[in-house]
Amino acid sequence: MTKTQKAEIIEVLSNEFKDAQSVIFCDYKGLSVSELEGLRKIAREKEAKVQVVKNTLATIALKNAELEGIELQDTNILVWGDDSVATSKVVSNFAKNNEKFVIKSAYIDREAADAAKVEAFAKLPGREELLGMLAATWMAPLTCIGFGLNALKEKKEQEAA
């Protein structure tokens, strides 16, 4: 890999990491190419990105994005995205189905975090679930008013008869 290619990778990753809400580091040693493609497909569906990057290049890109506090060692695959909960769910679910895939550490909301915090974020309800809960909460008073008005209508009809 030439210096120009390395510089391009660092620049792209630096920009990606500046915009990301979470960057998760995982060990992927022993996984097949098809299994990694499965991870990429799942991540794409959740608008997360996955890439294997040399530790030196990733460290420089993280430093450029002002993310510090985690030292990269051994083999790493990086998973990052704009939604911390969705990205955490991607890696957590993949790790449950593939024992060779291990969550090491992460930056969540620009703070260093361990694997336990990633797992905790994965257990939180996602954006769609929260929107559904909010809609149900907003609809509850309207539903009660509807039942009340219907009961009043039936009572008036019984009194008139």
Protein backbone atom coordinates (compact mmCIF):
# COMPACT_ATOMS: atom_id res chain seq x y z
CA MET A 1 0.00 0.00 0.00
CA THR A 2 1.46 3.36 -1.00
CA LYS A 3 1.66 6.45 1.21
CA THR A 4 -1.01 8.10 -0.91
CA GLN A 5 -3.42 5.20 -0.40
CA LYS A 6 -2.75 5.21 3.34
CA ALA A 7 -3.34 8.98 3.50
CA GLU A 8 -6.65 8.56 1.63
CA ILE A 9 -7.79 5.82 4.02
CA ILE A 10 -6.87 7.94 7.04
CA GLU A 11 -8.71 10.96 5.64
CA VAL A 12 -11.87 9.00 4.84
CA LEU A 13 -11.90 7.24 8.23
CA SER A 14 -11.20 10.49 10.10
CA ASN A 15 -14.24 12.11 8.49
CA GLU A 16 -16.38 9.04 9.13
CA PHE A 17 -15.34 8.85 12.81
CA LYS A 18 -16.00 12.59 13.36
CA ASP A 19 -19.63 12.08 12.29
CA ALA A 20 -20.16 8.70 14.00
CA GLN A 21 -21.95 8.41 17.34
CA SER A 22 -20.28 5.08 18.02
CA VAL A 23 -17.20 3.22 16.85
CA ILE A 24 -16.94 -0.38 18.06
CA PHE A 25 -13.79 -2.53 17.93
CA CYS A 26 -14.18 -6.28 17.64
CA ASP A 27 -11.91 -9.29 17.21
CA TYR A 28 -12.82 -11.28 14.12
CA LYS A 29 -9.99 -13.84 14.07
CA GLY A 30 -11.23 -17.18 12.74
CA LEU A 31 -14.31 -15.89 10.91
CA SER A 32 -14.76 -16.82 7.28
CA VAL A 33 -15.21 -14.30 4.50
CA SER A 34 -18.86 -15.29 4.11
CA GLU A 35 -19.48 -14.70 7.83
CA LEU A 36 -17.89 -11.25 7.57
CA GLU A 37 -20.05 -10.51 4.53
CA GLY A 38 -23.07 -11.45 6.67
CA LEU A 39 -21.96 -8.89 9.26
CA ARG A 40 -21.56 -6.25 6.57
CA LYS A 41 -25.05 -7.00 5.23
CA ILE A 42 -26.63 -6.72 8.68
CA ALA A 43 -24.72 -3.50 9.36
CA ARG A 44 -25.77 -2.00 6.01
CA GLU A 45 -29.44 -2.63 6.89
CA LYS A 46 -28.94 -0.65 10.12
CA GLU A 47 -26.97 2.10 8.35
CA ALA A 48 -23.72 1.13 10.05
CA LYS A 49 -20.37 0.60 8.35
CA VAL A 50 -17.85 -2.21 8.78
CA GLN A 51 -14.19 -2.24 7.81
CA VAL A 52 -10.99 -4.07 8.65
CA VAL A 53 -8.24 -1.49 9.04
CA LYS A 54 -4.61 -1.68 10.05
CA ASN A 55 -4.23 -0.60 13.68
CA THR A 56 -1.77 2.17 12.85
CA LEU A 57 -4.09 3.72 10.27
CA ALA A 58 -7.11 3.38 12.54
CA THR A 59 -5.22 4.95 15.46
CA ILE A 60 -4.24 7.98 13.36
CA ALA A 61 -7.81 8.36 12.05
CA LEU A 62 -9.22 8.13 15.58
CA LYS A 63 -6.74 10.73 16.83
CA ASN A 64 -7.71 13.04 13.93
CA ALA A 65 -11.36 12.59 14.94
CA GLU A 66 -10.40 13.51 18.53
CA LEU A 67 -11.20 10.05 19.87
CA GLU A 68 -8.53 8.93 22.30
CA GLY A 69 -8.19 6.52 25.19
CA ILE A 70 -8.28 3.12 23.49
CA GLU A 71 -5.18 1.31 22.30
CA LEU A 72 -5.71 -1.04 19.37
CA GLN A 73 -3.99 -4.42 19.48
CA ASP A 74 -4.19 -7.70 17.56
CA THR A 75 -6.81 -8.10 14.82
CA ASN A 76 -9.63 -5.56 14.76
CA ILE A 77 -12.71 -4.98 12.69
CA LEU A 78 -14.36 -1.60 13.15
CA VAL A 79 -18.11 -1.08 13.12
CA TRP A 80 -19.42 2.48 13.29
CA GLY A 81 -22.64 4.37 12.76
CA ASP A 82 -24.79 7.37 13.59
CA ASP A 83 -27.14 5.46 15.91
CA SER A 84 -25.32 4.09 18.97
CA VAL A 85 -28.11 1.70 19.90
CA ALA A 86 -28.52 0.25 16.40
CA THR A 87 -24.76 -0.16 15.95
CA SER A 88 -24.47 -1.83 19.36
CA LYS A 89 -27.32 -4.20 18.47
CA VAL A 90 -25.60 -5.17 15.22
CA VAL A 91 -22.36 -6.24 16.93
CA SER A 92 -24.09 -7.76 19.96
CA ASN A 93 -26.42 -9.93 17.89
CA PHE A 94 -23.60 -10.98 15.58
CA ALA A 95 -21.41 -11.87 18.59
CA LYS A 96 -24.21 -14.05 20.04
CA ASN A 97 -24.39 -16.04 16.80
CA ASN A 98 -20.61 -16.25 16.21
CA GLU A 99 -18.46 -17.19 19.17
CA LYS A 100 -15.27 -16.21 17.30
CA PHE A 101 -16.50 -12.62 17.03
CA VAL A 102 -15.66 -10.76 20.25
CA ILE A 103 -16.51 -7.19 21.21
CA LYS A 104 -13.39 -5.54 22.62
CA SER A 105 -14.12 -1.87 23.25
CA ALA A 106 -15.82 1.16 21.74
CA TYR A 107 -16.38 4.85 21.62
CA ILE A 108 -20.02 5.54 22.39
CA ASP A 109 -21.11 9.16 22.18
CA ARG A 110 -17.43 10.07 21.80
CA GLU A 111 -16.44 8.44 25.12
CA ALA A 112 -14.34 5.31 25.57
CA ALA A 113 -16.42 2.31 26.62
CA ASP A 114 -15.90 -1.37 27.32
CA ALA A 115 -17.76 -4.38 25.95
CA ALA A 116 -20.24 -4.34 28.85
CA LYS A 117 -21.40 -0.84 27.92
CA VAL A 118 -21.86 -1.92 24.29
CA GLU A 119 -24.01 -4.84 25.51
CA ALA A 120 -26.01 -2.46 27.72
CA PHE A 121 -26.69 -0.17 24.75
CA ALA A 122 -27.74 -3.19 22.68
CA LYS A 123 -30.48 -3.96 25.22
CA LEU A 124 -32.05 -0.49 24.92
CA PRO A 125 -35.10 -0.07 22.70
CA GLY A 126 -34.31 1.14 19.20
CA ARG A 127 -35.51 4.34 17.55
CA GLU A 128 -38.53 2.66 15.92
CA GLU A 129 -39.58 1.04 19.20
CA LEU A 130 -39.32 4.37 21.02
CA LEU A 131 -41.39 6.11 18.34
CA GLY A 132 -44.04 3.38 18.68
CA MET A 133 -44.13 3.85 22.46
CA LEU A 134 -44.45 7.62 22.03
CA ALA A 135 -47.29 7.24 19.52
CA ALA A 136 -49.12 4.84 21.85
CA THR A 137 -48.74 7.30 24.72
CA TRP A 138 -50.12 10.14 22.61
CA MET A 139 -53.03 8.03 21.37
CA ALA A 140 -54.08 6.79 24.84
CA PRO A 141 -56.08 9.93 25.83
CA LEU A 142 -57.83 10.02 22.44
CA THR A 143 -58.77 6.36 22.79
CA CYS A 144 -60.21 6.98 26.26
CA ILE A 145 -62.21 9.98 25.01
CA GLY A 146 -63.55 7.85 22.15
CA PHE A 147 -64.69 5.09 24.54
CA GLY A 148 -66.26 7.69 26.84
CA LEU A 149 -68.19 9.39 24.06
CA ASN A 150 -69.36 6.02 22.73
CA ALA A 151 -70.60 5.02 26.20
CA LEU A 152 -72.40 8.37 26.58
CA LYS A 153 -74.05 7.90 23.16
CA GLU A 154 -75.27 4.40 24.12
CA LYS A 155 -76.60 5.68 27.45
CA LYS A 156 -78.54 8.50 25.71
CA GLU A 157 -79.94 6.01 23.19
CA GLN A 158 -81.11 3.72 26.04
CA GLU A 159 -82.75 6.64 27.87
CA ALA A 160 -84.53 7.74 24.68
CA ALA A 161 -85.89 4.26 24.07
